[in-house]
Amino acid sequence: MSFTRVCTLDDVWEGEMAAYTVNGHEIVLVCADGGEIHAFQGVCPHQDIALSEGKFDGKKLICRAHLWQFDAETGKGINPEDCALANYPVRVEGEDIFVSTEGVEPLFAHT
């Protein structure tokens, strides 16, 4: 599995999110409560709205369009529960954040 350097820890502080394009994939990086970094598909599976335009409270991502909510540690749907975000592997080396896009495709849900 190959990883691509995306940014540094200074770019995504605890409780923040940031959008990046990595190897053609739209990704949102989140630094969840506790400081753990996660990478998810950057668009809501409902209607392709950029998740970076929504809200992040350190525990959940909320899409601005229809307020769909996703767990910031797993990407699983909170509201509605029958959806999820694609989760990209993350590696932190020193201050650098790396993401792998190999074999990961965005997920899409019902409308």
N, C-alpha and C. Protein backbone atom coordinates (compact mmCIF):
# COMPACT_ATOMS: atom_id res chain seq x y z
N MET A 1 0.85 -1.17 0.00
CA MET A 1 0.00 0.00 0.00
C MET A 1 0.90 1.24 0.00
N SER A 2 0.69 2.13 -0.95
CA SER A 2 1.50 3.34 -0.99
C SER A 2 0.73 4.51 -0.39
N PHE A 3 1.46 5.38 0.28
CA PHE A 3 0.87 6.54 0.94
C PHE A 3 1.41 7.81 0.30
N THR A 4 0.56 8.84 0.24
CA THR A 4 0.92 10.13 -0.32
C THR A 4 0.90 11.17 0.80
N ARG A 5 1.96 11.98 0.88
CA ARG A 5 1.99 13.05 1.87
C ARG A 5 0.93 14.08 1.50
N VAL A 6 0.08 14.44 2.48
CA VAL A 6 -1.03 15.36 2.23
C VAL A 6 -0.78 16.72 2.87
N CYS A 7 -0.34 16.73 4.13
CA CYS A 7 -0.14 17.97 4.86
C CYS A 7 0.63 17.67 6.14
N THR A 8 0.67 18.63 7.06
CA THR A 8 1.31 18.41 8.35
C THR A 8 0.27 18.50 9.46
N LEU A 9 0.65 18.08 10.64
CA LEU A 9 -0.24 18.15 11.80
C LEU A 9 -0.66 19.59 12.11
N ASP A 10 0.16 20.56 11.74
CA ASP A 10 -0.20 21.97 11.95
C ASP A 10 -1.34 22.42 11.05
N ASP A 11 -1.64 21.65 10.00
CA ASP A 11 -2.70 22.03 9.07
C ASP A 11 -4.09 21.57 9.53
N VAL A 12 -4.15 20.60 10.43
CA VAL A 12 -5.44 20.07 10.90
C VAL A 12 -5.35 19.87 12.41
N TRP A 13 -5.81 20.86 13.15
CA TRP A 13 -5.77 20.80 14.61
C TRP A 13 -6.97 20.04 15.15
N GLU A 14 -6.86 19.62 16.39
CA GLU A 14 -7.96 18.90 17.04
C GLU A 14 -9.26 19.70 16.92
N GLY A 15 -10.31 19.02 16.46
CA GLY A 15 -11.61 19.66 16.28
C GLY A 15 -11.77 20.37 14.94
N GLU A 16 -10.77 20.22 14.05
CA GLU A 16 -10.84 20.87 12.74
C GLU A 16 -10.91 19.83 11.62
N MET A 17 -11.34 20.31 10.45
CA MET A 17 -11.31 19.48 9.25
C MET A 17 -10.73 20.30 8.11
N ALA A 18 -10.24 19.62 7.09
CA ALA A 18 -9.68 20.29 5.92
C ALA A 18 -9.84 19.40 4.70
N ALA A 19 -10.14 20.02 3.56
CA ALA A 19 -10.35 19.29 2.31
C ALA A 19 -9.07 19.24 1.49
N TYR A 20 -8.81 18.09 0.86
CA TYR A 20 -7.65 17.90 0.00
C TYR A 20 -8.04 17.01 -1.17
N THR A 21 -7.30 17.14 -2.25
CA THR A 21 -7.41 16.20 -3.37
C THR A 21 -6.13 15.37 -3.35
N VAL A 22 -6.31 14.06 -3.26
CA VAL A 22 -5.18 13.14 -3.18
C VAL A 22 -5.34 12.09 -4.28
N ASN A 23 -4.43 12.09 -5.23
CA ASN A 23 -4.47 11.12 -6.32
C ASN A 23 -5.85 11.09 -7.00
N GLY A 24 -6.46 12.26 -7.18
CA GLY A 24 -7.76 12.36 -7.83
C GLY A 24 -8.95 12.11 -6.93
N HIS A 25 -8.72 11.81 -5.67
CA HIS A 25 -9.80 11.57 -4.70
C HIS A 25 -10.03 12.83 -3.88
N GLU A 26 -11.30 13.23 -3.76
CA GLU A 26 -11.65 14.34 -2.87
C GLU A 26 -11.75 13.77 -1.46
N ILE A 27 -10.92 14.28 -0.56
CA ILE A 27 -10.81 13.74 0.79
C ILE A 27 -11.00 14.86 1.81
N VAL A 28 -11.63 14.53 2.92
CA VAL A 28 -11.68 15.45 4.05
C VAL A 28 -10.90 14.80 5.19
N LEU A 29 -9.91 15.53 5.71
CA LEU A 29 -9.17 15.08 6.89
C LEU A 29 -9.82 15.69 8.11
N VAL A 30 -9.99 14.91 9.15
CA VAL A 30 -10.52 15.42 10.41
C VAL A 30 -9.57 15.06 11.52
N CYS A 31 -9.46 15.94 12.49
CA CYS A 31 -8.73 15.65 13.70
C CYS A 31 -9.77 15.58 14.81
N ALA A 32 -10.16 14.36 15.14
CA ALA A 32 -11.24 14.12 16.10
C ALA A 32 -10.82 14.49 17.52
N ASP A 33 -11.81 14.59 18.39
CA ASP A 33 -11.52 14.81 19.80
C ASP A 33 -10.52 13.75 20.26
N GLY A 34 -9.46 14.17 20.92
CA GLY A 34 -8.40 13.27 21.33
C GLY A 34 -7.19 13.35 20.42
N GLY A 35 -7.35 14.01 19.25
CA GLY A 35 -6.22 14.26 18.37
C GLY A 35 -5.95 13.24 17.28
N GLU A 36 -6.80 12.21 17.15
CA GLU A 36 -6.57 11.21 16.12
C GLU A 36 -7.04 11.73 14.75
N ILE A 37 -6.19 11.51 13.74
CA ILE A 37 -6.48 11.96 12.38
C ILE A 37 -7.18 10.85 11.60
N HIS A 38 -8.25 11.22 10.89
CA HIS A 38 -8.97 10.29 10.02
C HIS A 38 -9.17 10.95 8.67
N ALA A 39 -9.26 10.12 7.62
CA ALA A 39 -9.51 10.62 6.27
C ALA A 39 -10.73 9.92 5.70
N PHE A 40 -11.66 10.70 5.19
CA PHE A 40 -12.88 10.16 4.60
C PHE A 40 -13.11 10.77 3.22
N GLN A 41 -14.02 10.15 2.46
CA GLN A 41 -14.39 10.75 1.19
C GLN A 41 -14.86 12.17 1.47
N GLY A 42 -14.56 13.08 0.55
CA GLY A 42 -14.84 14.49 0.79
C GLY A 42 -16.22 14.96 0.43
N VAL A 43 -17.06 14.05 -0.11
CA VAL A 43 -18.42 14.43 -0.48
C VAL A 43 -19.43 13.57 0.26
N CYS A 44 -20.55 14.18 0.57
CA CYS A 44 -21.63 13.45 1.22
C CYS A 44 -22.16 12.38 0.26
N PRO A 45 -22.41 11.18 0.75
CA PRO A 45 -22.91 10.12 -0.12
C PRO A 45 -24.34 10.35 -0.59
N HIS A 46 -25.00 11.34 -0.05
CA HIS A 46 -26.38 11.63 -0.41
C HIS A 46 -26.47 12.33 -1.75
N GLN A 47 -25.83 13.52 -1.86
CA GLN A 47 -25.95 14.29 -3.11
C GLN A 47 -24.66 15.01 -3.50
N ASP A 48 -23.52 14.41 -3.21
CA ASP A 48 -22.22 14.94 -3.65
C ASP A 48 -21.91 16.35 -3.14
N ILE A 49 -22.39 16.74 -2.00
CA ILE A 49 -22.06 18.04 -1.42
C ILE A 49 -20.74 17.91 -0.68
N ALA A 50 -19.85 18.90 -0.85
CA ALA A 50 -18.55 18.87 -0.16
C ALA A 50 -18.75 18.91 1.35
N LEU A 51 -18.22 17.90 2.04
CA LEU A 51 -18.37 17.85 3.49
C LEU A 51 -17.61 18.97 4.18
N SER A 52 -16.58 19.50 3.54
CA SER A 52 -15.82 20.60 4.14
C SER A 52 -16.64 21.88 4.23
N GLU A 53 -17.78 21.94 3.52
CA GLU A 53 -18.68 23.09 3.61
C GLU A 53 -19.65 22.95 4.78
N GLY A 54 -19.64 21.79 5.41
CA GLY A 54 -20.53 21.53 6.54
C GLY A 54 -19.88 21.88 7.86
N LYS A 55 -20.28 21.18 8.91
CA LYS A 55 -19.76 21.43 10.25
C LYS A 55 -19.06 20.19 10.78
N PHE A 56 -18.13 20.44 11.69
CA PHE A 56 -17.42 19.36 12.38
C PHE A 56 -17.24 19.79 13.82
N ASP A 57 -17.74 18.99 14.76
CA ASP A 57 -17.68 19.36 16.18
C ASP A 57 -16.66 18.53 16.96
N GLY A 58 -15.79 17.82 16.25
CA GLY A 58 -14.80 16.97 16.92
C GLY A 58 -15.26 15.54 17.07
N LYS A 59 -16.58 15.31 16.93
CA LYS A 59 -17.14 13.97 17.06
C LYS A 59 -17.90 13.53 15.82
N LYS A 60 -18.50 14.50 15.11
CA LYS A 60 -19.27 14.14 13.93
C LYS A 60 -19.15 15.21 12.85
N LEU A 61 -19.20 14.72 11.60
CA LEU A 61 -19.26 15.58 10.42
C LEU A 61 -20.72 15.76 10.07
N ILE A 62 -21.11 16.97 9.72
CA ILE A 62 -22.50 17.26 9.38
C ILE A 62 -22.53 17.94 8.02
N CYS A 63 -23.22 17.34 7.07
CA CYS A 63 -23.36 17.91 5.73
C CYS A 63 -24.25 19.15 5.79
N ARG A 64 -23.85 20.20 5.08
CA ARG A 64 -24.60 21.45 5.12
C ARG A 64 -25.95 21.37 4.41
N ALA A 65 -26.07 20.47 3.44
CA ALA A 65 -27.27 20.46 2.60
C ALA A 65 -28.50 19.87 3.31
N HIS A 66 -28.39 18.66 3.82
CA HIS A 66 -29.54 18.00 4.42
C HIS A 66 -29.25 17.51 5.83
N LEU A 67 -28.13 17.99 6.39
CA LEU A 67 -27.75 17.71 7.78
C LEU A 67 -27.50 16.23 8.07
N TRP A 68 -27.10 15.46 7.04
CA TRP A 68 -26.68 14.08 7.31
C TRP A 68 -25.46 14.13 8.22
N GLN A 69 -25.36 13.19 9.16
CA GLN A 69 -24.29 13.19 10.15
C GLN A 69 -23.51 11.88 10.10
N PHE A 70 -22.18 12.01 10.30
CA PHE A 70 -21.28 10.86 10.23
C PHE A 70 -20.32 10.88 11.40
N ASP A 71 -20.06 9.70 11.97
CA ASP A 71 -19.12 9.54 13.07
C ASP A 71 -17.71 9.88 12.59
N ALA A 72 -17.02 10.75 13.31
CA ALA A 72 -15.69 11.23 12.89
C ALA A 72 -14.57 10.22 13.12
N GLU A 73 -14.85 9.13 13.80
CA GLU A 73 -13.83 8.10 13.99
C GLU A 73 -14.00 6.94 13.02
N THR A 74 -15.25 6.66 12.64
CA THR A 74 -15.50 5.48 11.79
C THR A 74 -16.05 5.82 10.41
N GLY A 75 -16.68 6.99 10.27
CA GLY A 75 -17.34 7.35 9.02
C GLY A 75 -18.75 6.78 8.89
N LYS A 76 -19.18 6.03 9.89
CA LYS A 76 -20.52 5.43 9.84
C LYS A 76 -21.59 6.50 10.01
N GLY A 77 -22.72 6.28 9.35
CA GLY A 77 -23.83 7.21 9.44
C GLY A 77 -24.44 7.25 10.83
N ILE A 78 -24.73 8.45 11.30
CA ILE A 78 -25.44 8.64 12.56
C ILE A 78 -26.90 8.97 12.24
N ASN A 79 -27.08 9.86 11.26
CA ASN A 79 -28.42 10.24 10.81
C ASN A 79 -28.35 10.55 9.33
N PRO A 80 -28.82 9.64 8.48
CA PRO A 80 -29.40 8.33 8.78
C PRO A 80 -28.32 7.30 9.09
N GLU A 81 -28.74 6.20 9.70
CA GLU A 81 -27.80 5.17 10.12
C GLU A 81 -27.39 4.23 8.99
N ASP A 82 -28.13 4.21 7.90
CA ASP A 82 -27.87 3.23 6.84
C ASP A 82 -26.98 3.78 5.72
N CYS A 83 -26.03 4.63 6.09
CA CYS A 83 -25.07 5.15 5.12
C CYS A 83 -23.70 5.23 5.79
N ALA A 84 -22.69 5.54 5.01
CA ALA A 84 -21.33 5.64 5.56
C ALA A 84 -20.45 6.41 4.59
N LEU A 85 -19.31 6.85 5.11
CA LEU A 85 -18.28 7.49 4.30
C LEU A 85 -17.16 6.49 4.06
N ALA A 86 -16.59 6.52 2.86
CA ALA A 86 -15.40 5.70 2.60
C ALA A 86 -14.28 6.21 3.49
N ASN A 87 -13.56 5.28 4.10
CA ASN A 87 -12.50 5.59 5.05
C ASN A 87 -11.15 5.29 4.39
N TYR A 88 -10.27 6.28 4.36
CA TYR A 88 -8.95 6.11 3.75
C TYR A 88 -7.90 5.86 4.83
N PRO A 89 -6.99 4.91 4.62
CA PRO A 89 -5.91 4.67 5.58
C PRO A 89 -5.04 5.92 5.76
N VAL A 90 -4.69 6.21 7.01
CA VAL A 90 -3.87 7.38 7.36
C VAL A 90 -2.65 6.90 8.11
N ARG A 91 -1.53 7.54 7.84
CA ARG A 91 -0.29 7.28 8.57
C ARG A 91 0.32 8.63 8.92
N VAL A 92 0.77 8.77 10.16
CA VAL A 92 1.45 9.99 10.60
C VAL A 92 2.90 9.64 10.87
N GLU A 93 3.80 10.38 10.22
CA GLU A 93 5.24 10.19 10.43
C GLU A 93 5.82 11.53 10.84
N GLY A 94 6.25 11.62 12.08
CA GLY A 94 6.72 12.90 12.58
C GLY A 94 5.59 13.90 12.56
N GLU A 95 5.74 14.98 11.80
CA GLU A 95 4.70 16.00 11.67
C GLU A 95 3.88 15.84 10.39
N ASP A 96 4.23 14.87 9.55
CA ASP A 96 3.59 14.71 8.25
C ASP A 96 2.44 13.72 8.29
N ILE A 97 1.35 14.06 7.56
CA ILE A 97 0.18 13.19 7.44
C ILE A 97 0.16 12.61 6.04
N PHE A 98 0.07 11.28 5.95
CA PHE A 98 0.03 10.56 4.69
C PHE A 98 -1.30 9.82 4.57
N VAL A 99 -1.82 9.73 3.35
CA VAL A 99 -3.08 9.02 3.09
C VAL A 99 -2.86 8.07 1.92
N SER A 100 -3.48 6.89 2.01
CA SER A 100 -3.46 5.94 0.90
C SER A 100 -4.85 5.94 0.25
N THR A 101 -4.86 5.99 -1.08
CA THR A 101 -6.14 5.95 -1.81
C THR A 101 -6.33 4.62 -2.54
N GLU A 102 -5.36 3.73 -2.43
CA GLU A 102 -5.42 2.45 -3.15
C GLU A 102 -6.65 1.64 -2.75
N GLY A 103 -7.44 1.27 -3.75
CA GLY A 103 -8.58 0.39 -3.51
C GLY A 103 -9.76 1.03 -2.80
N VAL A 104 -9.74 2.34 -2.56
CA VAL A 104 -10.84 3.00 -1.86
C VAL A 104 -11.67 3.79 -2.87
N GLU A 105 -12.96 3.58 -2.84
CA GLU A 105 -13.88 4.32 -3.71
C GLU A 105 -14.95 4.98 -2.84
N PRO A 106 -15.38 6.19 -3.21
CA PRO A 106 -16.44 6.85 -2.44
C PRO A 106 -17.70 5.99 -2.41
N LEU A 107 -18.43 6.10 -1.32
CA LEU A 107 -19.69 5.37 -1.16
C LEU A 107 -20.85 6.31 -1.44
N PHE A 108 -21.93 5.74 -1.97
CA PHE A 108 -23.11 6.55 -2.23
C PHE A 108 -24.32 5.84 -1.67
N ALA A 109 -25.30 6.61 -1.25
CA ALA A 109 -26.45 6.08 -0.52
C ALA A 109 -27.75 6.39 -1.25
N HIS A 110 -28.82 6.02 -0.60
CA HIS A 110 -30.15 6.35 -1.09
C HIS A 110 -30.36 7.86 -1.09
N THR A 111 -31.36 8.32 -1.75
CA THR A 111 -31.68 9.74 -1.74
C THR A 111 -32.87 9.93 -0.86
